[in-house]
Amino acid sequence: DSVKGRFTISRDAAENSVSLQMNSLRVEDTAVYYCAASSM
């Protein structure tokens, strides 16, 4: 809920990648961001 409307996630299957576009960033968005993948 804290990022809805500001962040957009997208996938590129051909590149086997995921991206996160972060707009209207706030001080409280400061963090270490981790990419994660599941086999389930």
PDB file of all heavy atoms in Angstrom:
ATOM      1  N   ASP A   1       0.823  -1.217   0.000  1.00  0.00           N
ATOM      2  CA  ASP A   1       0.000   0.000   0.000  1.00  0.00           C
ATOM      3  C   ASP A   1       0.853   1.262   0.000  1.00  0.00           C
ATOM      4  O   ASP A   1       0.472   2.279  -0.598  1.00  0.00           O
ATOM      5  CB  ASP A   1      -0.921   0.004   1.223  1.00  0.00           C
ATOM      6  CG  ASP A   1      -2.034  -1.024   1.105  1.00  0.00           C
ATOM      7  OD1 ASP A   1      -2.309  -1.496  -0.025  1.00  0.00           O
ATOM      8  OD2 ASP A   1      -2.635  -1.357   2.138  1.00  0.00           O
ATOM      9  N   SER A   2       2.005   1.198   0.650  1.00  0.00           N
ATOM     10  CA  SER A   2       2.848   2.389   0.798  1.00  0.00           C
ATOM     11  C   SER A   2       3.464   2.867  -0.522  1.00  0.00           C
ATOM     12  O   SER A   2       3.919   4.011  -0.602  1.00  0.00           O
ATOM     13  CB  SER A   2       3.963   2.122   1.804  1.00  0.00           C
ATOM     14  OG  SER A   2       4.759   1.028   1.374  1.00  0.00           O
ATOM     15  N   VAL A   3       3.471   2.004  -1.547  1.00  0.00           N
ATOM     16  CA  VAL A   3       4.105   2.394  -2.812  1.00  0.00           C
ATOM     17  C   VAL A   3       3.120   2.425  -3.984  1.00  0.00           C
ATOM     18  O   VAL A   3       3.497   2.828  -5.093  1.00  0.00           O
ATOM     19  CB  VAL A   3       5.290   1.458  -3.155  1.00  0.00           C
ATOM     20  CG1 VAL A   3       6.280   1.402  -2.001  1.00  0.00           C
ATOM     21  CG2 VAL A   3       4.809   0.073  -3.547  1.00  0.00           C
ATOM     22  N   LYS A   4       1.888   2.019  -3.754  1.00  0.00           N
ATOM     23  CA  LYS A   4       0.892   2.018  -4.828  1.00  0.00           C
ATOM     24  C   LYS A   4       0.737   3.402  -5.427  1.00  0.00           C
ATOM     25  O   LYS A   4       0.651   4.402  -4.713  1.00  0.00           O
ATOM     26  CB  LYS A   4      -0.466   1.544  -4.291  1.00  0.00           C
ATOM     27  CG  LYS A   4      -0.641   0.050  -4.280  1.00  0.00           C
ATOM     28  CD  LYS A   4      -2.018  -0.323  -3.751  1.00  0.00           C
ATOM     29  CE  LYS A   4      -2.145  -1.822  -3.568  1.00  0.00           C
ATOM     30  NZ  LYS A   4      -3.416  -2.200  -2.918  1.00  0.00           N
ATOM     31  N   GLY A   5       0.713   3.449  -6.751  1.00  0.00           N
ATOM     32  CA  GLY A   5       0.550   4.724  -7.445  1.00  0.00           C
ATOM     33  C   GLY A   5       1.854   5.463  -7.656  1.00  0.00           C
ATOM     34  O   GLY A   5       1.899   6.434  -8.418  1.00  0.00           O
ATOM     35  N   ARG A   6       2.927   5.029  -7.001  1.00  0.00           N
ATOM     36  CA  ARG A   6       4.235   5.686  -7.145  1.00  0.00           C
ATOM     37  C   ARG A   6       5.266   4.768  -7.788  1.00  0.00           C
ATOM     38  O   ARG A   6       6.127   5.224  -8.551  1.00  0.00           O
ATOM     39  CB  ARG A   6       4.755   6.151  -5.780  1.00  0.00           C
ATOM     40  CG  ARG A   6       3.847   7.124  -5.071  1.00  0.00           C
ATOM     41  CD  ARG A   6       4.494   7.684  -3.802  1.00  0.00           C
ATOM     42  NE  ARG A   6       4.818   6.662  -2.818  1.00  0.00           N
ATOM     43  CZ  ARG A   6       6.034   6.417  -2.360  1.00  0.00           C
ATOM     44  NH1 ARG A   6       7.064   7.119  -2.793  1.00  0.00           N
ATOM     45  NH2 ARG A   6       6.226   5.474  -1.450  1.00  0.00           N
ATOM     46  N   PHE A   7       5.201   3.477  -7.473  1.00  0.00           N
ATOM     47  CA  PHE A   7       6.160   2.500  -7.997  1.00  0.00           C
ATOM     48  C   PHE A   7       5.479   1.628  -9.046  1.00  0.00           C
ATOM     49  O   PHE A   7       4.293   1.308  -8.933  1.00  0.00           O
ATOM     50  CB  PHE A   7       6.677   1.601  -6.885  1.00  0.00           C
ATOM     51  CG  PHE A   7       7.578   2.279  -5.882  1.00  0.00           C
ATOM     52  CD1 PHE A   7       7.713   3.655  -5.824  1.00  0.00           C
ATOM     53  CD2 PHE A   7       8.289   1.503  -4.960  1.00  0.00           C
ATOM     54  CE1 PHE A   7       8.545   4.259  -4.889  1.00  0.00           C
ATOM     55  CE2 PHE A   7       9.122   2.094  -4.022  1.00  0.00           C
ATOM     56  CZ  PHE A   7       9.243   3.481  -3.987  1.00  0.00           C
ATOM     57  N   THR A   8       6.255   1.231 -10.050  1.00  0.00           N
ATOM     58  CA  THR A   8       5.752   0.325 -11.081  1.00  0.00           C
ATOM     59  C   THR A   8       6.754  -0.802 -11.284  1.00  0.00           C
ATOM     60  O   THR A   8       7.931  -0.545 -11.565  1.00  0.00           O
ATOM     61  CB  THR A   8       5.536   1.059 -12.409  1.00  0.00           C
ATOM     62  OG1 THR A   8       4.617   2.136 -12.224  1.00  0.00           O
ATOM     63  CG2 THR A   8       4.984   0.104 -13.465  1.00  0.00           C
ATOM     64  N   ILE A   9       6.277  -2.028 -11.164  1.00  0.00           N
ATOM     65  CA  ILE A   9       7.129  -3.192 -11.383  1.00  0.00           C
ATOM     66  C   ILE A   9       6.843  -3.758 -12.765  1.00  0.00           C
ATOM     67  O   ILE A   9       5.702  -3.718 -13.246  1.00  0.00           O
ATOM     68  CB  ILE A   9       6.887  -4.264 -10.290  1.00  0.00           C
ATOM     69  CG1 ILE A   9       7.943  -5.367 -10.362  1.00  0.00           C
ATOM     70  CG2 ILE A   9       5.474  -4.855 -10.384  1.00  0.00           C
ATOM     71  CD1 ILE A   9       7.920  -6.313  -9.167  1.00  0.00           C
ATOM     72  N   SER A  10       7.892  -4.257 -13.409  1.00  0.00           N
ATOM     73  CA  SER A  10       7.703  -4.851 -14.732  1.00  0.00           C
ATOM     74  C   SER A  10       8.677  -6.006 -14.919  1.00  0.00           C
ATOM     75  O   SER A  10       9.729  -6.052 -14.282  1.00  0.00           O
ATOM     76  CB  SER A  10       7.873  -3.804 -15.829  1.00  0.00           C
ATOM     77  OG  SER A  10       9.137  -3.208 -15.759  1.00  0.00           O
ATOM     78  N   ARG A  11       8.289  -6.908 -15.802  1.00  0.00           N
ATOM     79  CA  ARG A  11       9.106  -8.086 -16.091  1.00  0.00           C
ATOM     80  C   ARG A  11       9.534  -8.080 -17.550  1.00  0.00           C
ATOM     81  O   ARG A  11       8.820  -7.629 -18.436  1.00  0.00           O
ATOM     82  CB  ARG A  11       8.289  -9.364 -15.827  1.00  0.00           C
ATOM     83  CG  ARG A  11       7.936  -9.612 -14.395  1.00  0.00           C
ATOM     84  CD  ARG A  11       9.119 -10.129 -13.597  1.00  0.00           C
ATOM     85  NE  ARG A  11       9.596 -11.403 -14.056  1.00  0.00           N
ATOM     86  CZ  ARG A  11       9.140 -12.573 -13.608  1.00  0.00           C
ATOM     87  NH1 ARG A  11       8.206 -12.603 -12.690  1.00  0.00           N
ATOM     88  NH2 ARG A  11       9.660 -13.708 -14.056  1.00  0.00           N
ATOM     89  N   ASP A  12      10.702  -8.623 -17.787  1.00  0.00           N
ATOM     90  CA  ASP A  12      11.184  -8.857 -19.139  1.00  0.00           C
ATOM     91  C   ASP A  12      11.590 -10.323 -19.200  1.00  0.00           C
ATOM     92  O   ASP A  12      12.682 -10.688 -18.769  1.00  0.00           O
ATOM     93  CB  ASP A  12      12.357  -7.935 -19.468  1.00  0.00           C
ATOM     94  CG  ASP A  12      12.778  -8.039 -20.924  1.00  0.00           C
ATOM     95  OD1 ASP A  12      12.621  -9.120 -21.530  1.00  0.00           O
ATOM     96  OD2 ASP A  12      13.278  -7.043 -21.461  1.00  0.00           O
ATOM     97  N   ALA A  13      10.681 -11.145 -19.709  1.00  0.00           N
ATOM     98  CA  ALA A  13      10.932 -12.583 -19.718  1.00  0.00           C
ATOM     99  C   ALA A  13      12.144 -12.932 -20.572  1.00  0.00           C
ATOM    100  O   ALA A  13      12.931 -13.815 -20.218  1.00  0.00           O
ATOM    101  CB  ALA A  13       9.689 -13.324 -20.218  1.00  0.00           C
ATOM    102  N   ALA A  14      12.310 -12.240 -21.674  1.00  0.00           N
ATOM    103  CA  ALA A  14      13.423 -12.523 -22.566  1.00  0.00           C
ATOM    104  C   ALA A  14      14.762 -12.245 -21.894  1.00  0.00           C
ATOM    105  O   ALA A  14      15.750 -12.955 -22.123  1.00  0.00           O
ATOM    106  CB  ALA A  14      13.291 -11.713 -23.850  1.00  0.00           C
ATOM    107  N   GLU A  15      14.767 -11.212 -21.041  1.00  0.00           N
ATOM    108  CA  GLU A  15      16.009 -10.841 -20.346  1.00  0.00           C
ATOM    109  C   GLU A  15      16.120 -11.514 -18.981  1.00  0.00           C
ATOM    110  O   GLU A  15      17.122 -11.338 -18.298  1.00  0.00           O
ATOM    111  CB  GLU A  15      16.063  -9.324 -20.175  1.00  0.00           C
ATOM    112  CG  GLU A  15      16.165  -8.562 -21.487  1.00  0.00           C
ATOM    113  CD  GLU A  15      17.499  -8.795 -22.174  1.00  0.00           C
ATOM    114  OE1 GLU A  15      18.526  -8.959 -21.476  1.00  0.00           O
ATOM    115  OE2 GLU A  15      17.521  -8.849 -23.420  1.00  0.00           O
ATOM    116  N   ASN A  16      15.067 -12.257 -18.593  1.00  0.00           N
ATOM    117  CA  ASN A  16      15.070 -12.919 -17.289  1.00  0.00           C
ATOM    118  C   ASN A  16      15.310 -11.890 -16.182  1.00  0.00           C
ATOM    119  O   ASN A  16      16.161 -12.070 -15.294  1.00  0.00           O
ATOM    120  CB  ASN A  16      16.158 -14.008 -17.231  1.00  0.00           C
ATOM    121  CG  ASN A  16      15.833 -15.109 -16.247  1.00  0.00           C
ATOM    122  OD1 ASN A  16      14.685 -15.336 -15.872  1.00  0.00           O
ATOM    123  ND2 ASN A  16      16.879 -15.795 -15.795  1.00  0.00           N
ATOM    124  N   SER A  17      14.547 -10.797 -16.251  1.00  0.00           N
ATOM    125  CA  SER A  17      14.792  -9.700 -15.326  1.00  0.00           C
ATOM    126  C   SER A  17      13.491  -9.093 -14.817  1.00  0.00           C
ATOM    127  O   SER A  17      12.402  -9.321 -15.374  1.00  0.00           O
ATOM    128  CB  SER A  17      15.617  -8.610 -16.007  1.00  0.00           C
ATOM    129  OG  SER A  17      14.876  -7.993 -17.035  1.00  0.00           O
ATOM    130  N   VAL A  18      13.631  -8.322 -13.755  1.00  0.00           N
ATOM    131  CA  VAL A  18      12.519  -7.568 -13.194  1.00  0.00           C
ATOM    132  C   VAL A  18      13.030  -6.166 -12.862  1.00  0.00           C
ATOM    133  O   VAL A  18      14.180  -6.002 -12.457  1.00  0.00           O
ATOM    134  CB  VAL A  18      11.948  -8.255 -11.933  1.00  0.00           C
ATOM    135  CG1 VAL A  18      12.990  -8.365 -10.834  1.00  0.00           C
ATOM    136  CG2 VAL A  18      10.703  -7.549 -11.435  1.00  0.00           C
ATOM    137  N   SER A  19      12.193  -5.175 -13.084  1.00  0.00           N
ATOM    138  CA  SER A  19      12.610  -3.811 -12.795  1.00  0.00           C
ATOM    139  C   SER A  19      11.578  -3.126 -11.911  1.00  0.00           C
ATOM    140  O   SER A  19      10.420  -3.558 -11.830  1.00  0.00           O
ATOM    141  CB  SER A  19      12.809  -3.012 -14.084  1.00  0.00           C
ATOM    142  OG  SER A  19      11.605  -2.921 -14.799  1.00  0.00           O
ATOM    143  N   LEU A  20      12.019  -2.067 -11.252  1.00  0.00           N
ATOM    144  CA  LEU A  20      11.138  -1.297 -10.371  1.00  0.00           C
ATOM    145  C   LEU A  20      11.360   0.182 -10.661  1.00  0.00           C
ATOM    146  O   LEU A  20      12.430   0.719 -10.359  1.00  0.00           O
ATOM    147  CB  LEU A  20      11.446  -1.602  -8.906  1.00  0.00           C
ATOM    148  CG  LEU A  20      10.501  -0.969  -7.883  1.00  0.00           C
ATOM    149  CD1 LEU A  20       9.110  -1.604  -7.984  1.00  0.00           C
ATOM    150  CD2 LEU A  20      11.047  -1.121  -6.467  1.00  0.00           C
ATOM    151  N   GLN A  21      10.369   0.806 -11.266  1.00  0.00           N
ATOM    152  CA  GLN A  21      10.408   2.245 -11.503  1.00  0.00           C
ATOM    153  C   GLN A  21       9.810   2.938 -10.290  1.00  0.00           C
ATOM    154  O   GLN A  21       8.646   2.693  -9.952  1.00  0.00           O
ATOM    155  CB  GLN A  21       9.617   2.608 -12.768  1.00  0.00           C
ATOM    156  CG  GLN A  21       9.546   4.091 -13.050  1.00  0.00           C
ATOM    157  CD  GLN A  21      10.896   4.689 -13.381  1.00  0.00           C
ATOM    158  OE1 GLN A  21      11.682   4.092 -14.117  1.00  0.00           O
ATOM    159  NE2 GLN A  21      11.192   5.858 -12.849  1.00  0.00           N
ATOM    160  N   MET A  22      10.604   3.794  -9.647  1.00  0.00           N
ATOM    161  CA  MET A  22      10.168   4.452  -8.425  1.00  0.00           C
ATOM    162  C   MET A  22      10.050   5.948  -8.682  1.00  0.00           C
ATOM    163  O   MET A  22      11.057   6.607  -8.968  1.00  0.00           O
ATOM    164  CB  MET A  22      11.164   4.179  -7.299  1.00  0.00           C
ATOM    165  CG  MET A  22      11.389   2.691  -7.046  1.00  0.00           C
ATOM    166  SD  MET A  22      12.549   2.370  -5.696  1.00  0.00           S
ATOM    167  CE  MET A  22      14.077   2.927  -6.453  1.00  0.00           C
ATOM    168  N   ASN A  23       8.846   6.461  -8.614  1.00  0.00           N
ATOM    169  CA  ASN A  23       8.584   7.887  -8.814  1.00  0.00           C
ATOM    170  C   ASN A  23       8.084   8.513  -7.518  1.00  0.00           C
ATOM    171  O   ASN A  23       7.673   7.811  -6.594  1.00  0.00           O
ATOM    172  CB  ASN A  23       7.546   8.080  -9.907  1.00  0.00           C
ATOM    173  CG  ASN A  23       8.003   7.559 -11.264  1.00  0.00           C
ATOM    174  OD1 ASN A  23       9.192   7.557 -11.580  1.00  0.00           O
ATOM    175  ND2 ASN A  23       7.059   7.107 -12.077  1.00  0.00           N
ATOM    176  N   SER A  24       8.117   9.832  -7.469  1.00  0.00           N
ATOM    177  CA  SER A  24       7.636  10.574  -6.290  1.00  0.00           C
ATOM    178  C   SER A  24       8.233  10.003  -5.012  1.00  0.00           C
ATOM    179  O   SER A  24       7.528   9.756  -4.023  1.00  0.00           O
ATOM    180  CB  SER A  24       6.103  10.522  -6.231  1.00  0.00           C
ATOM    181  OG  SER A  24       5.541  11.069  -7.397  1.00  0.00           O
ATOM    182  N   LEU A  25       9.532   9.801  -5.036  1.00  0.00           N
ATOM    183  CA  LEU A  25      10.195   9.177  -3.896  1.00  0.00           C
ATOM    184  C   LEU A  25      10.117  10.057  -2.653  1.00  0.00           C
ATOM    185  O   LEU A  25      10.158  11.289  -2.736  1.00  0.00           O
ATOM    186  CB  LEU A  25      11.650   8.873  -4.242  1.00  0.00           C
ATOM    187  CG  LEU A  25      11.828   7.613  -5.099  1.00  0.00           C
ATOM    188  CD1 LEU A  25      13.172   7.615  -5.795  1.00  0.00           C
ATOM    189  CD2 LEU A  25      11.661   6.364  -4.251  1.00  0.00           C
ATOM    190  N   ARG A  26      10.010   9.377  -1.509  1.00  0.00           N
ATOM    191  CA  ARG A  26       9.907  10.045  -0.214  1.00  0.00           C
ATOM    192  C   ARG A  26      11.098   9.652   0.654  1.00  0.00           C
ATOM    193  O   ARG A  26      11.728   8.618   0.428  1.00  0.00           O
ATOM    194  CB  ARG A  26       8.610   9.630   0.476  1.00  0.00           C
ATOM    195  CG  ARG A  26       7.346   9.876  -0.333  1.00  0.00           C
ATOM    196  CD  ARG A  26       6.163   9.179   0.279  1.00  0.00           C
ATOM    197  NE  ARG A  26       4.926   9.409  -0.479  1.00  0.00           N
ATOM    198  CZ  ARG A  26       3.807   8.737  -0.308  1.00  0.00           C
ATOM    199  NH1 ARG A  26       3.745   7.792   0.629  1.00  0.00           N
ATOM    200  NH2 ARG A  26       2.743   9.007  -1.055  1.00  0.00           N
ATOM    201  N   VAL A  27      11.355  10.444   1.658  1.00  0.00           N
ATOM    202  CA  VAL A  27      12.464  10.140   2.564  1.00  0.00           C
ATOM    203  C   VAL A  27      12.278   8.749   3.166  1.00  0.00           C
ATOM    204  O   VAL A  27      13.244   7.994   3.330  1.00  0.00           O
ATOM    205  CB  VAL A  27      12.566  11.202   3.659  1.00  0.00           C
ATOM    206  CG1 VAL A  27      13.566  10.794   4.716  1.00  0.00           C
ATOM    207  CG2 VAL A  27      12.944  12.558   3.047  1.00  0.00           C
ATOM    208  N   GLU A  28      11.040   8.400   3.454  1.00  0.00           N
ATOM    209  CA  GLU A  28      10.764   7.095   4.081  1.00  0.00           C
ATOM    210  C   GLU A  28      10.940   5.917   3.125  1.00  0.00           C
ATOM    211  O   GLU A  28      10.831   4.763   3.547  1.00  0.00           O
ATOM    212  CB  GLU A  28       9.348   7.061   4.675  1.00  0.00           C
ATOM    213  CG  GLU A  28       8.245   7.431   3.702  1.00  0.00           C
ATOM    214  CD  GLU A  28       7.848   8.911   3.808  1.00  0.00           C
ATOM    215  OE1 GLU A  28       8.748   9.756   4.014  1.00  0.00           O
ATOM    216  OE2 GLU A  28       6.638   9.185   3.666  1.00  0.00           O
ATOM    217  N   ASP A  29      11.228   6.173   1.856  1.00  0.00           N
ATOM    218  CA  ASP A  29      11.558   5.101   0.915  1.00  0.00           C
ATOM    219  C   ASP A  29      13.031   4.704   1.002  1.00  0.00           C
ATOM    220  O   ASP A  29      13.448   3.727   0.358  1.00  0.00           O
ATOM    221  CB  ASP A  29      11.241   5.519  -0.525  1.00  0.00           C
ATOM    222  CG  ASP A  29       9.763   5.705  -0.774  1.00  0.00           C
ATOM    223  OD1 ASP A  29       8.962   4.893  -0.288  1.00  0.00           O
ATOM    224  OD2 ASP A  29       9.405   6.693  -1.469  1.00  0.00           O
ATOM    225  N   THR A  30      13.804   5.446   1.776  1.00  0.00           N
ATOM    226  CA  THR A  30      15.215   5.125   1.943  1.00  0.00           C
ATOM    227  C   THR A  30      15.376   3.735   2.541  1.00  0.00           C
ATOM    228  O   THR A  30      14.812   3.429   3.589  1.00  0.00           O
ATOM    229  CB  THR A  30      15.899   6.160   2.851  1.00  0.00           C
ATOM    230  OG1 THR A  30      15.881   7.432   2.198  1.00  0.00           O
ATOM    231  CG2 THR A  30      17.336   5.756   3.154  1.00  0.00           C
ATOM    232  N   ALA A  31      16.145   2.882   1.854  1.00  0.00           N
ATOM    233  CA  ALA A  31      16.306   1.495   2.288  1.00  0.00           C
ATOM    234  C   ALA A  31      17.267   0.789   1.349  1.00  0.00           C
ATOM    235  O   ALA A  31      17.625   1.312   0.286  1.00  0.00           O
ATOM    236  CB  ALA A  31      14.965   0.771   2.278  1.00  0.00           C
ATOM    237  N   VAL A  32      17.647  -0.411   1.745  1.00  0.00           N
ATOM    238  CA  VAL A  32      18.314  -1.323   0.827  1.00  0.00           C
ATOM    239  C   VAL A  32      17.221  -2.142   0.149  1.00  0.00           C
ATOM    240  O   VAL A  32      16.393  -2.754   0.833  1.00  0.00           O
ATOM    241  CB  VAL A  32      19.305  -2.246   1.554  1.00  0.00           C
ATOM    242  CG1 VAL A  32      19.933  -3.226   0.562  1.00  0.00           C
ATOM    243  CG2 VAL A  32      20.387  -1.428   2.245  1.00  0.00           C
ATOM    244  N   TYR A  33      17.214  -2.121  -1.162  1.00  0.00           N
ATOM    245  CA  TYR A  33      16.205  -2.824  -1.941  1.00  0.00           C
ATOM    246  C   TYR A  33      16.778  -4.139  -2.448  1.00  0.00           C
ATOM    247  O   TYR A  33      17.837  -4.157  -3.078  1.00  0.00           O
ATOM    248  CB  TYR A  33      15.736  -1.957  -3.102  1.00  0.00           C
ATOM    249  CG  TYR A  33      14.810  -0.849  -2.664  1.00  0.00           C
ATOM    250  CD1 TYR A  33      15.284   0.237  -1.924  1.00  0.00           C
ATOM    251  CD2 TYR A  33      13.452  -0.893  -2.966  1.00  0.00           C
ATOM    252  CE1 TYR A  33      14.420   1.228  -1.483  1.00  0.00           C
ATOM    253  CE2 TYR A  33      12.585   0.100  -2.541  1.00  0.00           C
ATOM    254  CZ  TYR A  33      13.084   1.157  -1.799  1.00  0.00           C
ATOM    255  OH  TYR A  33      12.233   2.155  -1.372  1.00  0.00           O
ATOM    256  N   TYR A  34      16.040  -5.223  -2.181  1.00  0.00           N
ATOM    257  CA  TYR A  34      16.475  -6.561  -2.555  1.00  0.00           C
ATOM    258  C   TYR A  34      15.562  -7.143  -3.623  1.00  0.00           C
ATOM    259  O   TYR A  34      14.334  -7.126  -3.488  1.00  0.00           O
ATOM    260  CB  TYR A  34      16.460  -7.487  -1.351  1.00  0.00           C
ATOM    261  CG  TYR A  34      17.432  -7.126  -0.268  1.00  0.00           C
ATOM    262  CD1 TYR A  34      17.054  -6.314   0.794  1.00  0.00           C
ATOM    263  CD2 TYR A  34      18.749  -7.593  -0.309  1.00  0.00           C
ATOM    264  CE1 TYR A  34      17.951  -5.970   1.790  1.00  0.00           C
ATOM    265  CE2 TYR A  34      19.648  -7.262   0.695  1.00  0.00           C
ATOM    266  CZ  TYR A  34      19.244  -6.453   1.731  1.00  0.00           C
ATOM    267  OH  TYR A  34      20.143  -6.123   2.721  1.00  0.00           O
ATOM    268  N   CYS A  35      16.168  -7.672  -4.653  1.00  0.00           N
ATOM    269  CA  CYS A  35      15.453  -8.449  -5.650  1.00  0.00           C
ATOM    270  C   CYS A  35      15.296  -9.875  -5.119  1.00  0.00           C
ATOM    271  O   CYS A  35      16.208 -10.405  -4.462  1.00  0.00           O
ATOM    272  CB  CYS A  35      16.265  -8.448  -6.949  1.00  0.00           C
ATOM    273  SG  CYS A  35      15.627  -9.516  -8.231  1.00  0.00           S
ATOM    274  N   ALA A  36      14.154 -10.486  -5.404  1.00  0.00           N
ATOM    275  CA  ALA A  36      13.910 -11.853  -4.936  1.00  0.00           C
ATOM    276  C   ALA A  36      13.180 -12.646  -6.011  1.00  0.00           C
ATOM    277  O   ALA A  36      12.388 -12.088  -6.774  1.00  0.00           O
ATOM    278  CB  ALA A  36      13.087 -11.834  -3.662  1.00  0.00           C
ATOM    279  N   ALA A  37      13.441 -13.943  -6.043  1.00  0.00           N
ATOM    280  CA  ALA A  37      12.781 -14.829  -7.000  1.00  0.00           C
ATOM    281  C   ALA A  37      12.414 -16.130  -6.309  1.00  0.00           C
ATOM    282  O   ALA A  37      13.093 -16.566  -5.369  1.00  0.00           O
ATOM    283  CB  ALA A  37      13.694 -15.098  -8.191  1.00  0.00           C
ATOM    284  N   SER A  38      11.327 -16.712  -6.790  1.00  0.00           N
ATOM    285  CA  SER A  38      10.846 -17.958  -6.200  1.00  0.00           C
ATOM    286  C   SER A  38      10.766 -19.047  -7.257  1.00  0.00           C
ATOM    287  O   SER A  38      10.529 -18.761  -8.436  1.00  0.00           O
ATOM    288  CB  SER A  38       9.463 -17.728  -5.593  1.00  0.00           C
ATOM    289  OG  SER A  38       8.932 -18.930  -5.083  1.00  0.00           O
ATOM    290  N   SER A  39      10.942 -20.284  -6.834  1.00  0.00           N
ATOM    291  CA  SER A  39      10.782 -21.427  -7.729  1.00  0.00           C
ATOM    292  C   SER A  39       9.407 -22.058  -7.546  1.00  0.00           C
ATOM    293  O   SER A  39       9.127 -23.122  -8.091  1.00  0.00           O
ATOM    294  CB  SER A  39      11.871 -22.470  -7.461  1.00  0.00           C
ATOM    295  OG  SER A  39      11.717 -23.003  -6.158  1.00  0.00           O
ATOM    296  N   MET A  40       8.548 -21.403  -6.774  1.00  0.00           N
ATOM    297  CA  MET A  40       7.202 -21.908  -6.511  1.00  0.00           C
ATOM    298  C   MET A  40       6.174 -21.042  -7.222  1.00  0.00           C
ATOM    299  O   MET A  40       6.342 -19.838  -7.361  1.00  0.00           O
ATOM    300  CB  MET A  40       6.927 -21.893  -5.001  1.00  0.00           C
ATOM    301  CG  MET A  40       7.833 -22.793  -4.199  1.00  0.00           C
ATOM    302  SD  MET A  40       7.500 -22.689  -2.423  1.00  0.00           S
ATOM    303  CE  MET A  40       8.362 -21.179  -2.008  1.00  0.00           C
TER     304      MET A  40
END
